[in-house]
Amino acid sequence: MLYVSAIGVSEAQNDSAAAAFERLSALVGDWSGSLEWSGARSGRDAMKATYYVTGNGSALVENLIMGGVPTMTSVYHLDGADLRMTHYCAARNQPRLKASKIDNAQGILDFSFVDATNLSSPDAPHVYGLQMRLLDADHIILTFLFEGGGKRSKERIDLKRAPARPPVNGKE
């Protein structure tokens, strides 16, 4: 009986991660909004983002853009029953995170730190978590949890889907 229960839990986790990834894949397109730092850092700025799928639909790429220049990229993908992401940070390291909470009904995805590449020391500045809120098909909030030197900050990015560009001369 326990074996059957364990299989049911594993399948439910896999279904939840797969449904979350499918929902993330619907973010494909252009987005714009703002960012605001709180905690050890402060500041505000405009932010744009682009999302696209790659790897025959197996990965979603998120490019966060400031001043017309991509500054951070995250790649979301499934790994068996887990939803994972690697964040290519402006701090020049690559934290790898795993979804620790998936609530598809509420549009809540929380990612927790697993490890990082190119992290010069455990105290070096890096992302240690991400809170993603999929408010509706055209509005998302990303909150990157950042730490370094014993200090913590949050970078809250509020994005809305940019209107589709009309075709030029009837062509896309």
N, C-alpha and C. Protein backbone atom coordinates (compact mmCIF):
# COMPACT_ATOMS: atom_id res chain seq x y z
N MET A 1 0.81 -1.19 0.00
CA MET A 1 0.00 0.00 0.00
C MET A 1 0.86 1.26 0.00
N LEU A 2 1.94 1.24 0.79
CA LEU A 2 2.83 2.40 0.82
C LEU A 2 3.47 2.62 -0.53
N TYR A 3 3.82 1.56 -1.23
CA TYR A 3 4.43 1.66 -2.55
C TYR A 3 3.49 2.37 -3.51
N VAL A 4 2.22 1.99 -3.49
CA VAL A 4 1.21 2.61 -4.36
C VAL A 4 1.06 4.09 -4.00
N SER A 5 1.07 4.42 -2.70
CA SER A 5 0.97 5.81 -2.27
C SER A 5 2.18 6.61 -2.73
N ALA A 6 3.36 6.04 -2.63
CA ALA A 6 4.58 6.73 -3.06
C ALA A 6 4.54 6.99 -4.56
N ILE A 7 4.06 6.04 -5.33
CA ILE A 7 3.94 6.24 -6.77
C ILE A 7 2.97 7.37 -7.06
N GLY A 8 1.85 7.41 -6.34
CA GLY A 8 0.86 8.48 -6.52
C GLY A 8 1.44 9.84 -6.21
N VAL A 9 2.21 9.97 -5.14
CA VAL A 9 2.84 11.25 -4.78
C VAL A 9 3.83 11.65 -5.84
N SER A 10 4.66 10.72 -6.31
CA SER A 10 5.66 11.02 -7.34
C SER A 10 4.98 11.48 -8.63
N GLU A 11 3.91 10.80 -9.04
CA GLU A 11 3.20 11.20 -10.24
C GLU A 11 2.56 12.58 -10.07
N ALA A 12 2.03 12.87 -8.88
CA ALA A 12 1.42 14.18 -8.63
C ALA A 12 2.47 15.28 -8.71
N GLN A 13 3.67 15.03 -8.15
CA GLN A 13 4.75 16.02 -8.23
C GLN A 13 5.16 16.24 -9.67
N ASN A 14 5.29 15.15 -10.43
CA ASN A 14 5.67 15.25 -11.83
C ASN A 14 4.62 16.02 -12.61
N ASP A 15 3.34 15.72 -12.36
CA ASP A 15 2.25 16.42 -13.04
C ASP A 15 2.26 17.91 -12.69
N SER A 16 2.51 18.23 -11.42
CA SER A 16 2.54 19.61 -10.96
C SER A 16 3.67 20.38 -11.63
N ALA A 17 4.86 19.79 -11.68
CA ALA A 17 6.00 20.45 -12.32
C ALA A 17 5.76 20.60 -13.82
N ALA A 18 5.22 19.57 -14.44
CA ALA A 18 4.95 19.63 -15.88
C ALA A 18 3.90 20.71 -16.19
N ALA A 19 2.86 20.79 -15.36
CA ALA A 19 1.84 21.83 -15.56
C ALA A 19 2.43 23.22 -15.35
N ALA A 20 3.32 23.36 -14.37
CA ALA A 20 3.97 24.65 -14.13
C ALA A 20 4.85 25.02 -15.31
N PHE A 21 5.58 24.05 -15.85
CA PHE A 21 6.44 24.35 -17.00
C PHE A 21 5.60 24.74 -18.21
N GLU A 22 4.48 24.08 -18.39
CA GLU A 22 3.58 24.43 -19.50
C GLU A 22 3.08 25.86 -19.34
N ARG A 23 2.75 26.23 -18.12
CA ARG A 23 2.29 27.60 -17.86
C ARG A 23 3.41 28.60 -18.10
N LEU A 24 4.63 28.27 -17.68
CA LEU A 24 5.78 29.14 -17.94
C LEU A 24 6.00 29.32 -19.44
N SER A 25 5.83 28.24 -20.20
CA SER A 25 6.04 28.30 -21.65
C SER A 25 5.07 29.27 -22.33
N ALA A 26 3.94 29.52 -21.69
CA ALA A 26 2.97 30.48 -22.25
C ALA A 26 3.44 31.92 -22.10
N LEU A 27 4.56 32.15 -21.40
CA LEU A 27 5.10 33.51 -21.25
C LEU A 27 5.81 33.99 -22.50
N VAL A 28 5.98 33.16 -23.50
CA VAL A 28 6.72 33.52 -24.71
C VAL A 28 6.23 34.86 -25.23
N GLY A 29 7.20 35.75 -25.48
CA GLY A 29 6.88 37.07 -26.00
C GLY A 29 7.70 38.14 -25.30
N ASP A 30 7.29 39.38 -25.51
CA ASP A 30 7.98 40.55 -24.96
C ASP A 30 7.20 41.12 -23.79
N TRP A 31 7.92 41.58 -22.78
CA TRP A 31 7.34 42.11 -21.55
C TRP A 31 8.05 43.39 -21.18
N SER A 32 7.37 44.26 -20.43
CA SER A 32 8.03 45.47 -19.93
C SER A 32 7.46 45.82 -18.57
N GLY A 33 8.27 46.55 -17.81
CA GLY A 33 7.83 46.94 -16.48
C GLY A 33 8.95 47.63 -15.73
N SER A 34 9.06 47.27 -14.44
CA SER A 34 10.02 47.96 -13.58
C SER A 34 10.65 46.99 -12.60
N LEU A 35 11.76 47.45 -12.02
CA LEU A 35 12.40 46.69 -10.95
C LEU A 35 12.61 47.62 -9.78
N GLU A 36 12.58 47.02 -8.59
CA GLU A 36 12.84 47.79 -7.38
C GLU A 36 13.61 46.91 -6.41
N TRP A 37 14.75 47.43 -5.94
CA TRP A 37 15.56 46.75 -4.94
C TRP A 37 15.10 47.16 -3.55
N SER A 38 15.16 46.23 -2.60
CA SER A 38 14.94 46.54 -1.19
C SER A 38 15.90 45.71 -0.36
N GLY A 39 16.09 46.10 0.88
CA GLY A 39 17.04 45.41 1.75
C GLY A 39 18.38 46.12 1.70
N ALA A 40 19.45 45.35 1.58
CA ALA A 40 20.81 45.92 1.59
C ALA A 40 21.07 46.81 0.38
N ARG A 41 20.35 46.58 -0.72
CA ARG A 41 20.48 47.43 -1.91
C ARG A 41 19.19 48.22 -2.07
N SER A 42 19.29 49.33 -2.75
CA SER A 42 18.08 50.08 -3.07
C SER A 42 18.22 50.66 -4.46
N GLY A 43 17.11 50.94 -5.07
CA GLY A 43 17.11 51.52 -6.40
C GLY A 43 15.92 51.05 -7.21
N ARG A 44 15.65 51.79 -8.27
CA ARG A 44 14.55 51.48 -9.19
C ARG A 44 15.04 51.69 -10.61
N ASP A 45 14.42 50.97 -11.53
CA ASP A 45 14.78 51.14 -12.93
C ASP A 45 13.70 50.51 -13.80
N ALA A 46 13.76 50.81 -15.07
CA ALA A 46 12.87 50.17 -16.03
C ALA A 46 13.46 48.81 -16.39
N MET A 47 12.59 47.87 -16.72
CA MET A 47 13.03 46.52 -17.07
C MET A 47 12.19 46.01 -18.22
N LYS A 48 12.82 45.33 -19.13
CA LYS A 48 12.12 44.62 -20.19
C LYS A 48 12.52 43.16 -20.10
N ALA A 49 11.74 42.31 -20.70
CA ALA A 49 12.05 40.88 -20.71
C ALA A 49 11.56 40.26 -22.00
N THR A 50 12.25 39.23 -22.40
CA THR A 50 11.78 38.40 -23.51
C THR A 50 11.82 36.95 -23.04
N TYR A 51 10.85 36.20 -23.50
CA TYR A 51 10.78 34.77 -23.21
C TYR A 51 10.66 34.03 -24.53
N TYR A 52 11.39 32.92 -24.63
CA TYR A 52 11.25 32.04 -25.79
C TYR A 52 11.60 30.61 -25.39
N VAL A 53 11.03 29.65 -26.11
CA VAL A 53 11.35 28.25 -25.85
C VAL A 53 12.45 27.81 -26.80
N THR A 54 13.23 26.85 -26.34
CA THR A 54 14.32 26.29 -27.13
C THR A 54 14.43 24.81 -26.79
N GLY A 55 15.37 24.14 -27.43
CA GLY A 55 15.59 22.71 -27.14
C GLY A 55 14.38 21.86 -27.44
N ASN A 56 13.73 22.13 -28.58
CA ASN A 56 12.54 21.38 -28.99
C ASN A 56 11.46 21.44 -27.92
N GLY A 57 11.32 22.63 -27.30
CA GLY A 57 10.28 22.84 -26.31
C GLY A 57 10.65 22.39 -24.90
N SER A 58 11.91 21.99 -24.69
CA SER A 58 12.29 21.46 -23.38
C SER A 58 12.81 22.51 -22.41
N ALA A 59 13.02 23.74 -22.88
CA ALA A 59 13.53 24.79 -22.00
C ALA A 59 12.90 26.13 -22.36
N LEU A 60 12.68 26.95 -21.34
CA LEU A 60 12.20 28.31 -21.52
C LEU A 60 13.33 29.25 -21.12
N VAL A 61 13.66 30.17 -22.02
CA VAL A 61 14.71 31.15 -21.76
C VAL A 61 14.07 32.49 -21.44
N GLU A 62 14.53 33.10 -20.36
CA GLU A 62 14.07 34.41 -19.90
C GLU A 62 15.27 35.36 -19.97
N ASN A 63 15.18 36.40 -20.78
CA ASN A 63 16.21 37.44 -20.83
C ASN A 63 15.66 38.69 -20.17
N LEU A 64 16.33 39.16 -19.13
CA LEU A 64 15.95 40.40 -18.46
C LEU A 64 16.87 41.49 -18.99
N ILE A 65 16.26 42.60 -19.44
CA ILE A 65 16.96 43.62 -20.22
C ILE A 65 16.84 44.98 -19.56
N MET A 66 17.98 45.63 -19.38
CA MET A 66 18.01 46.99 -18.85
C MET A 66 18.77 47.87 -19.84
N GLY A 67 18.21 49.03 -20.17
CA GLY A 67 18.88 49.94 -21.10
C GLY A 67 19.15 49.31 -22.45
N GLY A 68 18.30 48.40 -22.87
CA GLY A 68 18.46 47.76 -24.17
C GLY A 68 19.47 46.62 -24.18
N VAL A 69 20.08 46.32 -23.02
CA VAL A 69 21.12 45.29 -22.95
C VAL A 69 20.65 44.14 -22.04
N PRO A 70 20.69 42.90 -22.54
CA PRO A 70 20.38 41.77 -21.65
C PRO A 70 21.39 41.74 -20.50
N THR A 71 20.87 41.75 -19.27
CA THR A 71 21.76 41.77 -18.10
C THR A 71 21.72 40.45 -17.34
N MET A 72 20.63 39.71 -17.44
CA MET A 72 20.50 38.43 -16.75
C MET A 72 19.65 37.50 -17.62
N THR A 73 19.99 36.23 -17.56
CA THR A 73 19.24 35.22 -18.29
C THR A 73 18.96 34.06 -17.35
N SER A 74 17.75 33.56 -17.39
CA SER A 74 17.40 32.35 -16.64
C SER A 74 16.85 31.34 -17.62
N VAL A 75 17.16 30.07 -17.38
CA VAL A 75 16.65 28.99 -18.21
C VAL A 75 15.90 28.03 -17.29
N TYR A 76 14.63 27.81 -17.61
CA TYR A 76 13.74 26.93 -16.84
C TYR A 76 13.57 25.63 -17.60
N HIS A 77 13.57 24.50 -16.88
CA HIS A 77 13.40 23.20 -17.53
C HIS A 77 12.96 22.16 -16.52
N LEU A 78 12.43 21.06 -17.04
CA LEU A 78 12.07 19.93 -16.19
C LEU A 78 13.27 19.01 -16.06
N ASP A 79 13.39 18.40 -14.89
CA ASP A 79 14.39 17.37 -14.63
C ASP A 79 13.66 16.26 -13.90
N GLY A 80 13.09 15.34 -14.67
CA GLY A 80 12.23 14.32 -14.07
C GLY A 80 11.01 14.99 -13.47
N ALA A 81 10.78 14.76 -12.19
CA ALA A 81 9.62 15.33 -11.49
C ALA A 81 9.88 16.74 -10.97
N ASP A 82 11.09 17.27 -11.21
CA ASP A 82 11.47 18.59 -10.68
C ASP A 82 11.44 19.67 -11.75
N LEU A 83 11.03 20.86 -11.34
CA LEU A 83 11.15 22.05 -12.18
C LEU A 83 12.39 22.79 -11.68
N ARG A 84 13.30 23.06 -12.58
CA ARG A 84 14.57 23.69 -12.21
C ARG A 84 14.82 24.92 -13.04
N MET A 85 15.75 25.74 -12.57
CA MET A 85 16.20 26.89 -13.35
C MET A 85 17.65 27.17 -13.03
N THR A 86 18.35 27.66 -14.04
CA THR A 86 19.71 28.17 -13.87
C THR A 86 19.65 29.64 -14.19
N HIS A 87 20.21 30.45 -13.30
CA HIS A 87 20.19 31.90 -13.45
C HIS A 87 21.60 32.38 -13.80
N TYR A 88 21.75 32.95 -14.98
CA TYR A 88 23.03 33.51 -15.44
C TYR A 88 23.03 34.97 -15.02
N CYS A 89 23.65 35.22 -13.87
CA CYS A 89 23.51 36.46 -13.13
C CYS A 89 24.48 37.55 -13.59
N ALA A 90 24.05 38.79 -13.40
CA ALA A 90 24.94 39.93 -13.65
C ALA A 90 26.13 39.91 -12.70
N ALA A 91 26.02 39.15 -11.60
CA ALA A 91 27.14 38.99 -10.66
C ALA A 91 28.18 38.00 -11.21
N ARG A 92 27.94 37.51 -12.41
CA ARG A 92 28.87 36.63 -13.14
C ARG A 92 29.02 35.24 -12.52
N ASN A 93 27.94 34.78 -11.89
CA ASN A 93 27.90 33.39 -11.44
C ASN A 93 26.58 32.79 -11.90
N GLN A 94 26.42 31.50 -11.67
CA GLN A 94 25.25 30.80 -12.20
C GLN A 94 24.59 29.95 -11.13
N PRO A 95 23.75 30.56 -10.30
CA PRO A 95 23.01 29.78 -9.31
C PRO A 95 22.03 28.82 -9.99
N ARG A 96 21.95 27.62 -9.44
CA ARG A 96 20.99 26.63 -9.91
C ARG A 96 19.96 26.44 -8.81
N LEU A 97 18.70 26.55 -9.20
CA LEU A 97 17.61 26.49 -8.24
C LEU A 97 16.61 25.42 -8.64
N LYS A 98 15.85 24.97 -7.66
CA LYS A 98 14.82 23.95 -7.87
C LYS A 98 13.52 24.46 -7.26
N ALA A 99 12.41 24.21 -7.95
CA ALA A 99 11.11 24.63 -7.42
C ALA A 99 10.85 23.91 -6.10
N SER A 100 10.67 24.69 -5.05
CA SER A 100 10.39 24.13 -3.72
C SER A 100 8.92 24.25 -3.39
N LYS A 101 8.20 25.09 -4.12
CA LYS A 101 6.76 25.23 -3.95
C LYS A 101 6.15 25.49 -5.32
N ILE A 102 5.16 24.69 -5.65
CA ILE A 102 4.40 24.88 -6.89
C ILE A 102 2.92 24.86 -6.52
N ASP A 103 2.26 25.98 -6.74
CA ASP A 103 0.82 26.07 -6.54
C ASP A 103 0.25 26.61 -7.84
N ASN A 104 -0.08 25.70 -8.75
CA ASN A 104 -0.55 26.10 -10.07
C ASN A 104 -1.86 26.86 -10.01
N ALA A 105 -2.72 26.53 -9.07
CA ALA A 105 -4.01 27.21 -8.95
C ALA A 105 -3.83 28.68 -8.61
N GLN A 106 -2.84 29.00 -7.77
CA GLN A 106 -2.58 30.38 -7.35
C GLN A 106 -1.50 31.06 -8.19
N GLY A 107 -0.85 30.33 -9.08
CA GLY A 107 0.22 30.92 -9.90
C GLY A 107 1.48 31.20 -9.09
N ILE A 108 1.76 30.36 -8.11
CA ILE A 108 2.92 30.55 -7.23
C ILE A 108 3.99 29.53 -7.55
N LEU A 109 5.18 30.02 -7.85
CA LEU A 109 6.36 29.17 -8.03
C LEU A 109 7.47 29.76 -7.19
N ASP A 110 7.97 29.00 -6.25
CA ASP A 110 9.10 29.42 -5.44
C ASP A 110 10.26 28.48 -5.72
N PHE A 111 11.43 29.05 -5.96
CA PHE A 111 12.63 28.28 -6.25
C PHE A 111 13.64 28.49 -5.13
N SER A 112 14.32 27.41 -4.75
CA SER A 112 15.32 27.46 -3.70
C SER A 112 16.69 27.08 -4.26
N PHE A 113 17.71 27.64 -3.65
CA PHE A 113 19.10 27.43 -4.06
C PHE A 113 19.50 25.96 -3.91
N VAL A 114 20.14 25.43 -4.95
CA VAL A 114 20.72 24.09 -4.92
C VAL A 114 22.24 24.22 -4.84
N ASP A 115 22.82 24.92 -5.82
CA ASP A 115 24.25 25.17 -5.85
C ASP A 115 24.52 26.24 -6.90
N ALA A 116 25.79 26.55 -7.13
CA ALA A 116 26.12 27.57 -8.12
C ALA A 116 27.48 27.25 -8.74
N THR A 117 27.61 27.61 -9.99
CA THR A 117 28.91 27.54 -10.64
C THR A 117 29.51 28.94 -10.66
N ASN A 118 30.81 28.99 -10.71
CA ASN A 118 31.56 30.25 -10.78
C ASN A 118 31.33 31.15 -9.56
N LEU A 119 31.00 30.54 -8.43
CA LEU A 119 30.82 31.29 -7.19
C LEU A 119 32.17 31.27 -6.46
N SER A 120 32.80 32.44 -6.35
CA SER A 120 34.16 32.51 -5.83
C SER A 120 34.26 32.09 -4.35
N SER A 121 33.19 32.30 -3.59
CA SER A 121 33.13 31.86 -2.19
C SER A 121 31.66 31.80 -1.79
N PRO A 122 31.33 31.08 -0.73
CA PRO A 122 29.93 31.02 -0.31
C PRO A 122 29.36 32.40 0.04
N ASP A 123 30.23 33.34 0.39
CA ASP A 123 29.81 34.68 0.78
C ASP A 123 29.76 35.66 -0.39
N ALA A 124 30.15 35.20 -1.59
CA ALA A 124 30.13 36.08 -2.77
C ALA A 124 28.68 36.40 -3.14
N PRO A 125 28.43 37.57 -3.69
CA PRO A 125 27.06 37.94 -4.07
C PRO A 125 26.45 36.93 -5.05
N HIS A 126 25.22 36.48 -4.75
CA HIS A 126 24.53 35.53 -5.63
C HIS A 126 23.04 35.46 -5.29
N VAL A 127 22.27 34.97 -6.23
CA VAL A 127 20.84 34.71 -6.05
C VAL A 127 20.71 33.42 -5.25
N TYR A 128 19.90 33.43 -4.20
CA TYR A 128 19.67 32.21 -3.43
C TYR A 128 18.21 31.76 -3.49
N GLY A 129 17.38 32.49 -4.19
CA GLY A 129 15.98 32.09 -4.33
C GLY A 129 15.25 32.97 -5.32
N LEU A 130 14.12 32.49 -5.76
CA LEU A 130 13.24 33.24 -6.67
C LEU A 130 11.81 32.95 -6.28
N GLN A 131 11.02 34.02 -6.16
CA GLN A 131 9.59 33.91 -5.95
C GLN A 131 8.93 34.43 -7.22
N MET A 132 8.22 33.56 -7.91
CA MET A 132 7.55 33.93 -9.16
C MET A 132 6.05 33.88 -8.92
N ARG A 133 5.38 34.98 -9.31
CA ARG A 133 3.93 35.05 -9.19
C ARG A 133 3.34 35.30 -10.57
N LEU A 134 2.63 34.32 -11.07
CA LEU A 134 1.97 34.40 -12.37
C LEU A 134 0.56 34.90 -12.10
N LEU A 135 0.40 36.21 -12.09
CA LEU A 135 -0.87 36.82 -11.68
C LEU A 135 -1.98 36.57 -12.68
N ASP A 136 -1.66 36.68 -13.95
CA ASP A 136 -2.56 36.30 -15.04
C ASP A 136 -1.71 36.15 -16.29
N ALA A 137 -2.34 35.91 -17.42
CA ALA A 137 -1.60 35.63 -18.66
C ALA A 137 -0.73 36.81 -19.10
N ASP A 138 -1.01 38.01 -18.59
CA ASP A 138 -0.30 39.21 -19.04
C ASP A 138 0.39 39.98 -17.92
N HIS A 139 0.54 39.37 -16.74
CA HIS A 139 1.15 40.09 -15.61
C HIS A 139 1.87 39.10 -14.70
N ILE A 140 3.16 39.31 -14.51
CA ILE A 140 3.96 38.46 -13.63
C ILE A 140 4.84 39.33 -12.72
N ILE A 141 5.16 38.77 -11.58
CA ILE A 141 6.10 39.42 -10.66
C ILE A 141 7.18 38.41 -10.31
N LEU A 142 8.42 38.80 -10.52
CA LEU A 142 9.58 38.00 -10.15
C LEU A 142 10.26 38.69 -8.98
N THR A 143 10.56 37.96 -7.93
CA THR A 143 11.32 38.52 -6.82
C THR A 143 12.55 37.65 -6.62
N PHE A 144 13.70 38.19 -7.04
CA PHE A 144 14.96 37.49 -6.85
C PHE A 144 15.47 37.79 -5.44
N LEU A 145 15.84 36.74 -4.72
CA LEU A 145 16.40 36.86 -3.38
C LEU A 145 17.92 36.79 -3.54
N PHE A 146 18.60 37.81 -3.07
CA PHE A 146 20.02 38.00 -3.34
C PHE A 146 20.77 38.15 -2.02
N GLU A 147 21.95 37.53 -1.93
CA GLU A 147 22.78 37.70 -0.74
C GLU A 147 24.24 37.80 -1.12
N GLY A 148 24.98 38.49 -0.27
CA GLY A 148 26.42 38.62 -0.45
C GLY A 148 27.00 39.41 0.69
N GLY A 149 28.14 38.99 1.16
CA GLY A 149 28.78 39.70 2.25
C GLY A 149 27.95 39.75 3.52
N GLY A 150 27.12 38.72 3.73
CA GLY A 150 26.29 38.68 4.92
C GLY A 150 25.06 39.56 4.86
N LYS A 151 24.80 40.18 3.71
CA LYS A 151 23.64 41.06 3.57
C LYS A 151 22.68 40.49 2.53
N ARG A 152 21.40 40.72 2.77
CA ARG A 152 20.37 40.22 1.85
C ARG A 152 19.57 41.36 1.23
N SER A 153 19.16 41.13 0.00
CA SER A 153 18.34 42.09 -0.74
C SER A 153 17.29 41.33 -1.53
N LYS A 154 16.27 42.07 -1.96
CA LYS A 154 15.26 41.54 -2.87
C LYS A 154 15.20 42.44 -4.09
N GLU A 155 15.13 41.81 -5.24
CA GLU A 155 14.94 42.55 -6.49
C GLU A 155 13.57 42.14 -7.04
N ARG A 156 12.61 43.05 -6.90
CA ARG A 156 11.23 42.78 -7.34
C ARG A 156 11.05 43.34 -8.74
N ILE A 157 10.68 42.46 -9.67
CA ILE A 157 10.50 42.84 -11.07
C ILE A 157 9.03 42.62 -11.42
N ASP A 158 8.35 43.70 -11.78
CA ASP A 158 6.92 43.67 -12.10
C ASP A 158 6.80 43.85 -13.61
N LEU A 159 6.31 42.82 -14.31
CA LEU A 159 6.27 42.83 -15.77
C LEU A 159 4.86 42.62 -16.30
N LYS A 160 4.57 43.35 -17.36
CA LYS A 160 3.31 43.16 -18.09
C LYS A 160 3.65 42.86 -19.55
N ARG A 161 2.82 42.00 -20.14
CA ARG A 161 3.05 41.60 -21.53
C ARG A 161 2.94 42.83 -22.44
N ALA A 162 3.92 43.00 -23.31
CA ALA A 162 3.90 44.10 -24.27
C ALA A 162 2.88 43.76 -25.35
N PRO A 163 2.17 44.77 -25.85
CA PRO A 163 1.22 44.50 -26.93
C PRO A 163 1.94 43.92 -28.14
N ALA A 164 1.27 43.02 -28.82
CA ALA A 164 1.84 42.42 -30.02
C ALA A 164 2.09 43.51 -31.06
N ARG A 165 3.22 43.40 -31.72
CA ARG A 165 3.54 44.37 -32.77
C ARG A 165 2.73 44.04 -34.02
N PRO A 166 2.14 45.07 -34.64
CA PRO A 166 1.40 44.79 -35.88
C PRO A 166 2.37 44.41 -36.99
N PRO A 167 1.92 43.57 -37.91
CA PRO A 167 2.79 43.19 -39.02
C PRO A 167 3.14 44.42 -39.88
N VAL A 168 4.33 44.40 -40.43
CA VAL A 168 4.77 45.48 -41.32
C VAL A 168 4.48 45.04 -42.76
N ASN A 169 3.71 45.86 -43.46
CA ASN A 169 3.35 45.56 -44.84
C ASN A 169 2.73 44.17 -44.99
N GLY A 170 1.92 43.78 -43.99
CA GLY A 170 1.25 42.50 -44.05
C GLY A 170 2.14 41.31 -43.75
N LYS A 171 3.40 41.55 -43.34
CA LYS A 171 4.33 40.45 -43.05
C LYS A 171 4.68 40.50 -41.57
N GLU A 172 4.94 39.33 -41.02
CA GLU A 172 5.33 39.25 -39.60
C GLU A 172 6.80 39.49 -39.42
